[in-house]
Amino acid sequence: MKTPLTGILPVAPTPFHADGSIDPDGMRRVLDCMIDQGVDAICILANYSEQFLLSDDERAILTKVSLEHVAGRVPVIVTISHFATDIVVYRAKQAQTLGASMLMMMPPYHGVGLAPAEQGVFEHFAAVSDAVTIPIMVQDAPLSGVALSVPLLVRMAKEIENVSYFKMETPFAADKLAALIEMGGEHITGPFDGEEAVTLLADLDAGCTGTMTSALQPEKIRPIVTEYRAGNTDAALEQWKLCLPLINHENRQCGLRAAKTVMMEGGVIGSDYVRHPLKPLSPRTKDRLLSLSRELDLIALSWGK
């Protein structure tokens, strides 16, 4: 990409039929809905896409369906995380061949007791970079249990050609973003936050240039970023206050199920099924989710009706 990616890059949920099989047509509708939400890019096969519940064959189908259907309308980021370096390299090559604009990956991990030392993490990302020519986003999330120090991240940005974007989801993300930007300078092309934008204002204060949320309310969250970056910090704060109750409910009560539930309610997809061992939302939690979503008149609530 010639121009650095900024703004909002939400994660697309993976729709399943009620019997648990993947729904490629539903995937296409999700992508169309997200483009209508005004997103700056779309990320597929991430944790909020239930990537840990997909087979390799299903991943391949969804990657091909998504990249062919989006067809360059917005950049597509393909998540390729895996513990095995050979597998992430294979996934990276496949994604680039099919038209991905960027890759996202977590450090290699397999439970808290099986993670490489810093040099192994560095080599893991370097191997992917050597195999492709598109940017790589490092996902720094507590889920992995792998501590990525700021000096390591800065070294990766400086020494690994395609590592230039970073998604911070750790506790005290703002402090880590600020330190990364200060130490990494021009090598930090895209400092982003995540966690459904629950810390977005603090992260923007720290210098982040965008956010990777879910697909629940990107049309409401994007103005927080654009207003802030235009110098309209008061407007950004007011918009964040508007979005915060739903952000909080999604982050603390619903998780990845929120976007699917709202999209099913709005006719985007036919089912909000999540694969076992995940469980559907309780009626209580679902009712509050839909109530908060209606208050904001979300695009996903009416897109398919």
C-alpha atoms as a PDB file:
ATOM      1  CA  MET A   1       0.000   0.000   0.000  1.00  0.00           C
ATOM      2  CA  LYS A   2       1.356   3.383  -1.007  1.00  0.00           C
ATOM      3  CA  THR A   3      -0.642   5.312   1.602  1.00  0.00           C
ATOM      4  CA  PRO A   4      -0.468   4.210   5.256  1.00  0.00           C
ATOM      5  CA  LEU A   5      -3.681   2.625   6.454  1.00  0.00           C
ATOM      6  CA  THR A   6      -5.537   4.611   9.137  1.00  0.00           C
ATOM      7  CA  GLY A   7      -9.048   4.793  10.522  1.00  0.00           C
ATOM      8  CA  ILE A   8     -11.154   1.750  11.374  1.00  0.00           C
ATOM      9  CA  LEU A   9     -10.302  -1.775  10.231  1.00  0.00           C
ATOM     10  CA  PRO A  10     -12.954  -4.021  11.767  1.00  0.00           C
ATOM     11  CA  VAL A  11     -12.872  -7.780  12.059  1.00  0.00           C
ATOM     12  CA  ALA A  12     -15.452  -9.609   9.962  1.00  0.00           C
ATOM     13  CA  PRO A  13     -17.409 -12.286  11.823  1.00  0.00           C
ATOM     14  CA  THR A  14     -17.569 -15.725  10.256  1.00  0.00           C
ATOM     15  CA  PRO A  15     -21.216 -16.668   9.637  1.00  0.00           C
ATOM     16  CA  PHE A  16     -22.348 -20.238  10.097  1.00  0.00           C
ATOM     17  CA  HIS A  17     -25.592 -21.893   9.124  1.00  0.00           C
ATOM     18  CA  ALA A  18     -27.767 -23.101  12.000  1.00  0.00           C
ATOM     19  CA  ASP A  19     -26.243 -26.562  11.560  1.00  0.00           C
ATOM     20  CA  GLY A  20     -22.752 -25.179  12.177  1.00  0.00           C
ATOM     21  CA  SER A  21     -21.442 -25.305   8.595  1.00  0.00           C
ATOM     22  CA  ILE A  22     -19.786 -22.225   7.137  1.00  0.00           C
ATOM     23  CA  ASP A  23     -22.009 -19.869   5.161  1.00  0.00           C
ATOM     24  CA  PRO A  24     -20.094 -18.420   2.177  1.00  0.00           C
ATOM     25  CA  ASP A  25     -23.080 -16.414   0.924  1.00  0.00           C
ATOM     26  CA  GLY A  26     -23.503 -15.013   4.407  1.00  0.00           C
ATOM     27  CA  MET A  27     -19.809 -14.099   4.374  1.00  0.00           C
ATOM     28  CA  ARG A  28     -20.352 -12.092   1.199  1.00  0.00           C
ATOM     29  CA  ARG A  29     -23.257 -10.262   2.817  1.00  0.00           C
ATOM     30  CA  VAL A  30     -21.189  -9.495   5.911  1.00  0.00           C
ATOM     31  CA  LEU A  31     -18.486  -7.963   3.725  1.00  0.00           C
ATOM     32  CA  ASP A  32     -20.996  -5.874   1.759  1.00  0.00           C
ATOM     33  CA  CYS A  33     -22.575  -4.644   4.988  1.00  0.00           C
ATOM     34  CA  MET A  34     -19.182  -3.668   6.391  1.00  0.00           C
ATOM     35  CA  ILE A  35     -18.329  -1.717   3.252  1.00  0.00           C
ATOM     36  CA  ASP A  36     -21.644   0.104   3.607  1.00  0.00           C
ATOM     37  CA  GLN A  37     -20.665   0.867   7.206  1.00  0.00           C
ATOM     38  CA  GLY A  38     -17.839   2.978   5.761  1.00  0.00           C
ATOM     39  CA  VAL A  39     -14.883   0.936   6.982  1.00  0.00           C
ATOM     40  CA  ASP A  40     -11.337   1.760   5.870  1.00  0.00           C
ATOM     41  CA  ALA A  41     -10.375  -1.918   5.607  1.00  0.00           C
ATOM     42  CA  ILE A  42     -11.663  -5.335   6.667  1.00  0.00           C
ATOM     43  CA  CYS A  43      -9.818  -7.991   8.660  1.00  0.00           C
ATOM     44  CA  ILE A  44     -10.804 -11.632   8.191  1.00  0.00           C
ATOM     45  CA  LEU A  45     -10.028 -14.853  10.063  1.00  0.00           C
ATOM     46  CA  ALA A  46      -9.101 -13.083  13.299  1.00  0.00           C
ATOM     47  CA  ASN A  47     -10.000 -14.182  16.827  1.00  0.00           C
ATOM     48  CA  TYR A  48     -13.371 -12.425  16.547  1.00  0.00           C
ATOM     49  CA  SER A  49     -13.854 -14.418  13.322  1.00  0.00           C
ATOM     50  CA  GLU A  50     -13.607 -17.616  15.391  1.00  0.00           C
ATOM     51  CA  GLN A  51     -10.416 -18.527  13.552  1.00  0.00           C
ATOM     52  CA  PHE A  52      -9.598 -21.048  16.285  1.00  0.00           C
ATOM     53  CA  LEU A  53     -12.766 -23.007  15.367  1.00  0.00           C
ATOM     54  CA  LEU A  54     -12.111 -23.269  11.622  1.00  0.00           C
ATOM     55  CA  SER A  55     -10.489 -26.109   9.720  1.00  0.00           C
ATOM     56  CA  ASP A  56      -7.698 -25.418   7.235  1.00  0.00           C
ATOM     57  CA  ASP A  57     -10.075 -26.172   4.357  1.00  0.00           C
ATOM     58  CA  GLU A  58     -12.648 -23.744   5.740  1.00  0.00           C
ATOM     59  CA  ARG A  59      -9.998 -21.059   6.128  1.00  0.00           C
ATOM     60  CA  ALA A  60      -8.980 -21.516   2.511  1.00  0.00           C
ATOM     61  CA  ILE A  61     -12.583 -21.247   1.312  1.00  0.00           C
ATOM     62  CA  LEU A  62     -13.291 -18.122   3.378  1.00  0.00           C
ATOM     63  CA  THR A  63     -10.062 -16.436   2.301  1.00  0.00           C
ATOM     64  CA  LYS A  64     -10.846 -17.000  -1.374  1.00  0.00           C
ATOM     65  CA  VAL A  65     -14.514 -16.011  -1.039  1.00  0.00           C
ATOM     66  CA  SER A  66     -13.671 -12.840   0.873  1.00  0.00           C
ATOM     67  CA  LEU A  67     -10.885 -11.569  -1.350  1.00  0.00           C
ATOM     68  CA  GLU A  68     -12.756 -12.328  -4.559  1.00  0.00           C
ATOM     69  CA  HIS A  69     -15.947 -10.695  -3.312  1.00  0.00           C
ATOM     70  CA  VAL A  70     -14.384  -7.538  -1.885  1.00  0.00           C
ATOM     71  CA  ALA A  71     -12.458  -7.235  -5.155  1.00  0.00           C
ATOM     72  CA  GLY A  72     -10.382  -4.251  -4.104  1.00  0.00           C
ATOM     73  CA  ARG A  73     -13.255  -2.097  -2.822  1.00  0.00           C
ATOM     74  CA  VAL A  74     -11.372  -1.784   0.468  1.00  0.00           C
ATOM     75  CA  PRO A  75      -8.093  -3.338   1.625  1.00  0.00           C
ATOM     76  CA  VAL A  76      -8.439  -6.790   3.188  1.00  0.00           C
ATOM     77  CA  ILE A  77      -6.220  -7.915   6.060  1.00  0.00           C
ATOM     78  CA  VAL A  78      -5.875 -11.690   6.402  1.00  0.00           C
ATOM     79  CA  THR A  79      -5.007 -13.144   9.798  1.00  0.00           C
ATOM     80  CA  ILE A  80      -2.529 -16.014   9.539  1.00  0.00           C
ATOM     81  CA  SER A  81      -1.632 -16.778  13.179  1.00  0.00           C
ATOM     82  CA  HIS A  82      -0.304 -20.255  13.987  1.00  0.00           C
ATOM     83  CA  PHE A  83       2.379 -21.747  16.222  1.00  0.00           C
ATOM     84  CA  ALA A  84       4.195 -23.394  13.304  1.00  0.00           C
ATOM     85  CA  THR A  85       6.384 -21.058  11.275  1.00  0.00           C
ATOM     86  CA  ASP A  86       6.035 -23.151   8.117  1.00  0.00           C
ATOM     87  CA  ILE A  87       2.246 -22.902   8.347  1.00  0.00           C
ATOM     88  CA  VAL A  88       2.176 -19.114   8.779  1.00  0.00           C
ATOM     89  CA  VAL A  89       4.546 -18.771   5.829  1.00  0.00           C
ATOM     90  CA  TYR A  90       2.234 -20.941   3.717  1.00  0.00           C
ATOM     91  CA  ARG A  91      -0.815 -18.948   4.800  1.00  0.00           C
ATOM     92  CA  ALA A  92       0.990 -15.679   4.080  1.00  0.00           C
ATOM     93  CA  LYS A  93       1.919 -16.705   0.549  1.00  0.00           C
ATOM     94  CA  GLN A  94      -1.613 -17.949  -0.131  1.00  0.00           C
ATOM     95  CA  ALA A  95      -3.186 -14.722   1.156  1.00  0.00           C
ATOM     96  CA  GLN A  96      -0.911 -12.490  -0.902  1.00  0.00           C
ATOM     97  CA  THR A  97      -1.511 -14.549  -4.043  1.00  0.00           C
ATOM     98  CA  LEU A  98      -5.270 -14.160  -3.585  1.00  0.00           C
ATOM     99  CA  GLY A  99      -5.000 -10.387  -3.175  1.00  0.00           C
ATOM    100  CA  ALA A 100      -4.591  -9.588   0.517  1.00  0.00           C
ATOM    101  CA  SER A 101      -3.375  -6.057   1.239  1.00  0.00           C
ATOM    102  CA  MET A 102      -1.930  -6.885   4.648  1.00  0.00           C
ATOM    103  CA  LEU A 103      -1.352  -9.789   7.003  1.00  0.00           C
ATOM    104  CA  MET A 104      -2.006  -9.901  10.734  1.00  0.00           C
ATOM    105  CA  MET A 105      -0.444 -12.407  13.075  1.00  0.00           C
ATOM    106  CA  MET A 106       0.058 -13.067  16.734  1.00  0.00           C
ATOM    107  CA  PRO A 107       3.355 -14.381  18.084  1.00  0.00           C
ATOM    108  CA  PRO A 108       3.642 -18.180  18.090  1.00  0.00           C
ATOM    109  CA  TYR A 109       1.988 -19.712  21.146  1.00  0.00           C
ATOM    110  CA  HIS A 110       0.286 -22.908  22.211  1.00  0.00           C
ATOM    111  CA  GLY A 111      -0.904 -22.294  25.724  1.00  0.00           C
ATOM    112  CA  VAL A 112       1.000 -20.318  28.311  1.00  0.00           C
ATOM    113  CA  GLY A 113       3.592 -23.051  28.742  1.00  0.00           C
ATOM    114  CA  LEU A 114       4.643 -23.372  25.118  1.00  0.00           C
ATOM    115  CA  ALA A 115       6.007 -20.172  23.638  1.00  0.00           C
ATOM    116  CA  PRO A 116       9.392 -19.366  22.112  1.00  0.00           C
ATOM    117  CA  ALA A 117      11.955 -16.938  23.453  1.00  0.00           C
ATOM    118  CA  GLU A 118      12.182 -13.462  21.907  1.00  0.00           C
ATOM    119  CA  GLN A 119      14.597 -14.584  19.207  1.00  0.00           C
ATOM    120  CA  GLY A 120      12.154 -17.298  18.128  1.00  0.00           C
ATOM    121  CA  VAL A 121       9.357 -14.730  17.896  1.00  0.00           C
ATOM    122  CA  PHE A 122      11.607 -12.464  15.818  1.00  0.00           C
ATOM    123  CA  GLU A 123      12.515 -15.319  13.457  1.00  0.00           C
ATOM    124  CA  HIS A 124       8.843 -16.329  13.124  1.00  0.00           C
ATOM    125  CA  PHE A 125       7.871 -12.881  11.829  1.00  0.00           C
ATOM    126  CA  ALA A 126      11.049 -12.559   9.752  1.00  0.00           C
ATOM    127  CA  ALA A 127      10.260 -15.801   7.926  1.00  0.00           C
ATOM    128  CA  VAL A 128       6.860 -14.457   6.905  1.00  0.00           C
ATOM    129  CA  SER A 129       8.315 -11.125   5.840  1.00  0.00           C
ATOM    130  CA  ASP A 130      10.881 -12.881   3.662  1.00  0.00           C
ATOM    131  CA  ALA A 131       8.069 -14.756   1.883  1.00  0.00           C
ATOM    132  CA  VAL A 132       5.832 -11.778   1.002  1.00  0.00           C
ATOM    133  CA  THR A 133       5.916  -8.145  -0.084  1.00  0.00           C
ATOM    134  CA  ILE A 134       2.855  -6.820   1.779  1.00  0.00           C
ATOM    135  CA  PRO A 135       2.771  -5.229   5.256  1.00  0.00           C
ATOM    136  CA  ILE A 136       2.468  -7.293   8.419  1.00  0.00           C
ATOM    137  CA  MET A 137       0.520  -6.204  11.497  1.00  0.00           C
ATOM    138  CA  VAL A 138       1.748  -7.595  14.813  1.00  0.00           C
ATOM    139  CA  GLN A 139      -1.177  -8.449  17.087  1.00  0.00           C
ATOM    140  CA  ASP A 140      -0.079  -7.944  20.674  1.00  0.00           C
ATOM    141  CA  ALA A 141      -2.915  -9.554  22.621  1.00  0.00           C
ATOM    142  CA  PRO A 142      -3.066 -11.136  26.101  1.00  0.00           C
ATOM    143  CA  LEU A 143      -4.696 -14.200  24.546  1.00  0.00           C
ATOM    144  CA  SER A 144      -1.299 -15.452  23.405  1.00  0.00           C
ATOM    145  CA  GLY A 145       0.347 -15.286  26.817  1.00  0.00           C
ATOM    146  CA  VAL A 146       3.508 -14.151  25.006  1.00  0.00           C
ATOM    147  CA  ALA A 147       5.066 -10.950  26.319  1.00  0.00           C
ATOM    148  CA  LEU A 148       6.190  -8.702  23.469  1.00  0.00           C
ATOM    149  CA  SER A 149       8.456  -6.045  24.924  1.00  0.00           C
ATOM    150  CA  VAL A 150       8.654  -2.626  23.331  1.00  0.00           C
ATOM    151  CA  PRO A 151      12.368  -3.098  22.510  1.00  0.00           C
ATOM    152  CA  LEU A 152      11.520  -6.353  20.697  1.00  0.00           C
ATOM    153  CA  LEU A 153       8.707  -4.718  18.744  1.00  0.00           C
ATOM    154  CA  VAL A 154      10.950  -1.805  17.794  1.00  0.00           C
ATOM    155  CA  ARG A 155      13.683  -4.198  16.696  1.00  0.00           C
ATOM    156  CA  MET A 156      11.168  -6.052  14.554  1.00  0.00           C
ATOM    157  CA  ALA A 157       9.971  -2.798  12.985  1.00  0.00           C
ATOM    158  CA  LYS A 158      13.513  -1.711  12.197  1.00  0.00           C
ATOM    159  CA  GLU A 159      14.990  -5.024  11.071  1.00  0.00           C
ATOM    160  CA  ILE A 160      12.094  -6.958   9.497  1.00  0.00           C
ATOM    161  CA  GLU A 161      11.195  -5.285   6.215  1.00  0.00           C
ATOM    162  CA  ASN A 162       7.422  -5.741   6.164  1.00  0.00           C
ATOM    163  CA  VAL A 163       6.649  -5.415   9.878  1.00  0.00           C
ATOM    164  CA  SER A 164       5.295  -1.898  10.267  1.00  0.00           C
ATOM    165  CA  TYR A 165       1.789  -2.117  11.787  1.00  0.00           C
ATOM    166  CA  PHE A 166       0.960  -2.948  15.395  1.00  0.00           C
ATOM    167  CA  LYS A 167      -2.338  -3.735  17.121  1.00  0.00           C
ATOM    168  CA  MET A 168      -2.084  -3.200  20.871  1.00  0.00           C
ATOM    169  CA  GLU A 169      -4.593  -4.992  23.093  1.00  0.00           C
ATOM    170  CA  THR A 170      -2.561  -5.410  26.258  1.00  0.00           C
ATOM    171  CA  PRO A 171      -3.384  -3.790  29.607  1.00  0.00           C
ATOM    172  CA  PHE A 172      -2.196  -0.167  29.638  1.00  0.00           C
ATOM    173  CA  ALA A 173      -2.107  -0.216  25.843  1.00  0.00           C
ATOM    174  CA  ALA A 174      -1.795   3.573  25.657  1.00  0.00           C
ATOM    175  CA  ASP A 175       1.499   3.593  27.528  1.00  0.00           C
ATOM    176  CA  LYS A 176       2.844   0.816  25.335  1.00  0.00           C
ATOM    177  CA  LEU A 177       1.708   2.575  22.159  1.00  0.00           C
ATOM    178  CA  ALA A 178       3.362   5.812  23.275  1.00  0.00           C
ATOM    179  CA  ALA A 179       6.627   4.037  24.046  1.00  0.00           C
ATOM    180  CA  LEU A 180       6.531   2.129  20.750  1.00  0.00           C
ATOM    181  CA  ILE A 181       5.967   5.305  18.744  1.00  0.00           C
ATOM    182  CA  GLU A 182       8.681   7.192  20.621  1.00  0.00           C
ATOM    183  CA  MET A 183      11.287   4.440  20.283  1.00  0.00           C
ATOM    184  CA  GLY A 184      10.327   3.251  16.797  1.00  0.00           C
ATOM    185  CA  GLY A 185       9.835   6.616  15.113  1.00  0.00           C
ATOM    186  CA  GLU A 186       9.356   6.432  11.348  1.00  0.00           C
ATOM    187  CA  HIS A 187       9.452   2.634  11.423  1.00  0.00           C
ATOM    188  CA  ILE A 188       6.031   2.516  13.118  1.00  0.00           C
ATOM    189  CA  THR A 189       3.726   3.081  10.152  1.00  0.00           C
ATOM    190  CA  GLY A 190       0.470   1.995  11.766  1.00  0.00           C
ATOM    191  CA  PRO A 191      -0.014   2.028  15.542  1.00  0.00           C
ATOM    192  CA  PHE A 192      -3.530   0.675  16.206  1.00  0.00           C
ATOM    193  CA  ASP A 193      -5.599  -0.296  19.193  1.00  0.00           C
ATOM    194  CA  GLY A 194      -8.184  -3.062  19.529  1.00  0.00           C
ATOM    195  CA  GLU A 195     -10.369  -4.427  22.328  1.00  0.00           C
ATOM    196  CA  GLU A 196     -13.563  -3.066  20.722  1.00  0.00           C
ATOM    197  CA  ALA A 197     -12.225   0.507  21.178  1.00  0.00           C
ATOM    198  CA  VAL A 198     -12.802   0.391  24.937  1.00  0.00           C
ATOM    199  CA  THR A 199      -9.579   2.394  25.460  1.00  0.00           C
ATOM    200  CA  LEU A 200      -9.681   4.327  22.182  1.00  0.00           C
ATOM    201  CA  LEU A 201      -9.522   7.868  23.585  1.00  0.00           C
ATOM    202  CA  ALA A 202      -6.465   7.088  25.693  1.00  0.00           C
ATOM    203  CA  ASP A 203      -4.872   5.288  22.764  1.00  0.00           C
ATOM    204  CA  LEU A 204      -5.478   8.242  20.448  1.00  0.00           C
ATOM    205  CA  ASP A 205      -3.894  10.488  23.081  1.00  0.00           C
ATOM    206  CA  ALA A 206      -0.894   8.152  22.930  1.00  0.00           C
ATOM    207  CA  GLY A 207      -0.605   8.509  19.159  1.00  0.00           C
ATOM    208  CA  CYS A 208      -2.500   5.601  17.619  1.00  0.00           C
ATOM    209  CA  THR A 209      -3.804   6.287  14.117  1.00  0.00           C
ATOM    210  CA  GLY A 210      -6.681   3.848  14.025  1.00  0.00           C
ATOM    211  CA  THR A 211      -8.552   1.004  15.652  1.00  0.00           C
ATOM    212  CA  MET A 212      -9.486  -2.583  14.866  1.00  0.00           C
ATOM    213  CA  THR A 213     -12.898  -3.241  16.361  1.00  0.00           C
ATOM    214  CA  SER A 214     -15.601  -5.755  15.592  1.00  0.00           C
ATOM    215  CA  ALA A 215     -18.138  -5.169  12.831  1.00  0.00           C
ATOM    216  CA  LEU A 216     -20.816  -4.132  15.332  1.00  0.00           C
ATOM    217  CA  GLN A 217     -20.718  -0.338  15.085  1.00  0.00           C
ATOM    218  CA  PRO A 218     -17.828   0.844  12.894  1.00  0.00           C
ATOM    219  CA  GLU A 219     -19.882   3.676  11.407  1.00  0.00           C
ATOM    220  CA  LYS A 220     -20.229   5.105  14.929  1.00  0.00           C
ATOM    221  CA  ILE A 221     -16.644   4.514  16.070  1.00  0.00           C
ATOM    222  CA  ARG A 222     -14.877   5.726  12.924  1.00  0.00           C
ATOM    223  CA  PRO A 223     -15.792   9.399  13.543  1.00  0.00           C
ATOM    224  CA  ILE A 224     -14.004   9.211  16.902  1.00  0.00           C
ATOM    225  CA  VAL A 225     -10.771   8.533  15.033  1.00  0.00           C
ATOM    226  CA  THR A 226     -11.344  10.962  12.173  1.00  0.00           C
ATOM    227  CA  GLU A 227     -12.451  13.838  14.401  1.00  0.00           C
ATOM    228  CA  TYR A 228      -9.555  13.318  16.782  1.00  0.00           C
ATOM    229  CA  ARG A 229      -6.991  13.182  13.981  1.00  0.00           C
ATOM    230  CA  ALA A 230      -8.495  16.347  12.467  1.00  0.00           C
ATOM    231  CA  GLY A 231      -7.881  18.154  15.751  1.00  0.00           C
ATOM    232  CA  ASN A 232     -11.523  18.101  16.867  1.00  0.00           C
ATOM    233  CA  THR A 233     -10.873  16.403  20.193  1.00  0.00           C
ATOM    234  CA  ASP A 234     -14.069  17.612  21.840  1.00  0.00           C
ATOM    235  CA  ALA A 235     -16.166  16.118  19.036  1.00  0.00           C
ATOM    236  CA  ALA A 236     -14.203  12.877  19.300  1.00  0.00           C
ATOM    237  CA  LEU A 237     -14.872  12.730  23.041  1.00  0.00           C
ATOM    238  CA  GLU A 238     -18.596  13.311  22.591  1.00  0.00           C
ATOM    239  CA  GLN A 239     -18.809  10.559  19.964  1.00  0.00           C
ATOM    240  CA  TRP A 240     -16.885   8.172  22.222  1.00  0.00           C
ATOM    241  CA  LYS A 241     -19.304   8.900  25.064  1.00  0.00           C
ATOM    242  CA  LEU A 242     -22.180   8.067  22.714  1.00  0.00           C
ATOM    243  CA  CYS A 243     -20.647   4.729  21.726  1.00  0.00           C
ATOM    244  CA  LEU A 244     -19.248   3.717  25.100  1.00  0.00           C
ATOM    245  CA  PRO A 245     -22.249   1.881  26.630  1.00  0.00           C
ATOM    246  CA  LEU A 246     -22.419  -0.471  23.639  1.00  0.00           C
ATOM    247  CA  ILE A 247     -18.622  -0.765  23.463  1.00  0.00           C
ATOM    248  CA  ASN A 248     -18.580  -1.775  27.124  1.00  0.00           C
ATOM    249  CA  HIS A 249     -21.441  -4.276  26.769  1.00  0.00           C
ATOM    250  CA  GLU A 250     -19.762  -5.911  23.800  1.00  0.00           C
ATOM    251  CA  ASN A 251     -16.331  -5.996  25.412  1.00  0.00           C
ATOM    252  CA  ARG A 252     -17.401  -7.213  28.845  1.00  0.00           C
ATOM    253  CA  GLN A 253     -20.551  -9.261  28.204  1.00  0.00           C
ATOM    254  CA  CYS A 254     -20.822 -10.429  24.600  1.00  0.00           C
ATOM    255  CA  GLY A 255     -17.434 -10.774  22.956  1.00  0.00           C
ATOM    256  CA  LEU A 256     -17.404 -12.027  19.381  1.00  0.00           C
ATOM    257  CA  ARG A 257     -21.099 -12.969  19.557  1.00  0.00           C
ATOM    258  CA  ALA A 258     -22.295  -9.342  19.523  1.00  0.00           C
ATOM    259  CA  ALA A 259     -21.745  -8.551  15.848  1.00  0.00           C
ATOM    260  CA  LYS A 260     -23.255 -11.857  14.730  1.00  0.00           C
ATOM    261  CA  THR A 261     -26.348 -11.386  16.863  1.00  0.00           C
ATOM    262  CA  VAL A 262     -26.985  -7.858  15.605  1.00  0.00           C
ATOM    263  CA  MET A 263     -26.301  -8.879  12.005  1.00  0.00           C
ATOM    264  CA  MET A 264     -28.797 -11.724  12.270  1.00  0.00           C
ATOM    265  CA  GLU A 265     -31.368  -9.336  13.751  1.00  0.00           C
ATOM    266  CA  GLY A 266     -30.767  -6.999  10.809  1.00  0.00           C
ATOM    267  CA  GLY A 267     -31.052  -9.671   8.138  1.00  0.00           C
ATOM    268  CA  VAL A 268     -27.370  -9.595   7.161  1.00  0.00           C
ATOM    269  CA  ILE A 269     -26.931 -13.258   8.070  1.00  0.00           C
ATOM    270  CA  GLY A 270     -29.377 -16.055   8.701  1.00  0.00           C
ATOM    271  CA  SER A 271     -27.917 -17.381  11.930  1.00  0.00           C
ATOM    272  CA  ASP A 272     -25.808 -16.135  14.831  1.00  0.00           C
ATOM    273  CA  TYR A 273     -24.543 -19.659  15.519  1.00  0.00           C
ATOM    274  CA  VAL A 274     -21.222 -19.986  17.331  1.00  0.00           C
ATOM    275  CA  ARG A 275     -19.365 -23.259  17.388  1.00  0.00           C
ATOM    276  CA  HIS A 276     -18.993 -25.351  20.519  1.00  0.00           C
ATOM    277  CA  PRO A 277     -17.516 -24.978  23.093  1.00  0.00           C
ATOM    278  CA  LEU A 278     -18.687 -21.368  22.704  1.00  0.00           C
ATOM    279  CA  LYS A 279     -22.258 -20.781  23.823  1.00  0.00           C
ATOM    280  CA  PRO A 280     -24.926 -18.374  22.498  1.00  0.00           C
ATOM    281  CA  LEU A 281     -25.749 -15.204  24.385  1.00  0.00           C
ATOM    282  CA  SER A 282     -28.205 -15.456  27.250  1.00  0.00           C
ATOM    283  CA  PRO A 283     -31.596 -13.837  26.545  1.00  0.00           C
ATOM    284  CA  ARG A 284     -30.774 -11.178  29.157  1.00  0.00           C
ATOM    285  CA  THR A 285     -27.485 -10.224  27.519  1.00  0.00           C
ATOM    286  CA  LYS A 286     -28.973 -10.363  24.027  1.00  0.00           C
ATOM    287  CA  ASP A 287     -31.858  -8.091  24.988  1.00  0.00           C
ATOM    288  CA  ARG A 288     -29.515  -5.440  26.359  1.00  0.00           C
ATOM    289  CA  LEU A 289     -27.278  -5.731  23.279  1.00  0.00           C
ATOM    290  CA  LEU A 290     -30.189  -5.157  20.907  1.00  0.00           C
ATOM    291  CA  SER A 291     -31.591  -2.341  23.017  1.00  0.00           C
ATOM    292  CA  LEU A 292     -28.277  -0.467  23.009  1.00  0.00           C
ATOM    293  CA  SER A 293     -27.870  -1.127  19.290  1.00  0.00           C
ATOM    294  CA  ARG A 294     -31.320   0.250  18.509  1.00  0.00           C
ATOM    295  CA  GLU A 295     -30.550   3.424  20.455  1.00  0.00           C
ATOM    296  CA  LEU A 296     -27.666   4.025  18.021  1.00  0.00           C
ATOM    297  CA  ASP A 297     -29.680   2.975  14.945  1.00  0.00           C
ATOM    298  CA  LEU A 298     -26.855   0.780  13.733  1.00  0.00           C
ATOM    299  CA  ILE A 299     -26.549   0.030  10.040  1.00  0.00           C
ATOM    300  CA  ALA A 300     -26.251  -3.701  10.738  1.00  0.00           C
ATOM    301  CA  LEU A 301     -29.693  -3.677  12.404  1.00  0.00           C
ATOM    302  CA  SER A 302     -31.486  -2.750   9.203  1.00  0.00           C
ATOM    303  CA  TRP A 303     -29.054  -3.522   6.379  1.00  0.00           C
ATOM    304  CA  GLY A 304     -30.737  -6.739   5.263  1.00  0.00           C
ATOM    305  CA  LYS A 305     -34.350  -5.780   5.859  1.00  0.00           C
END
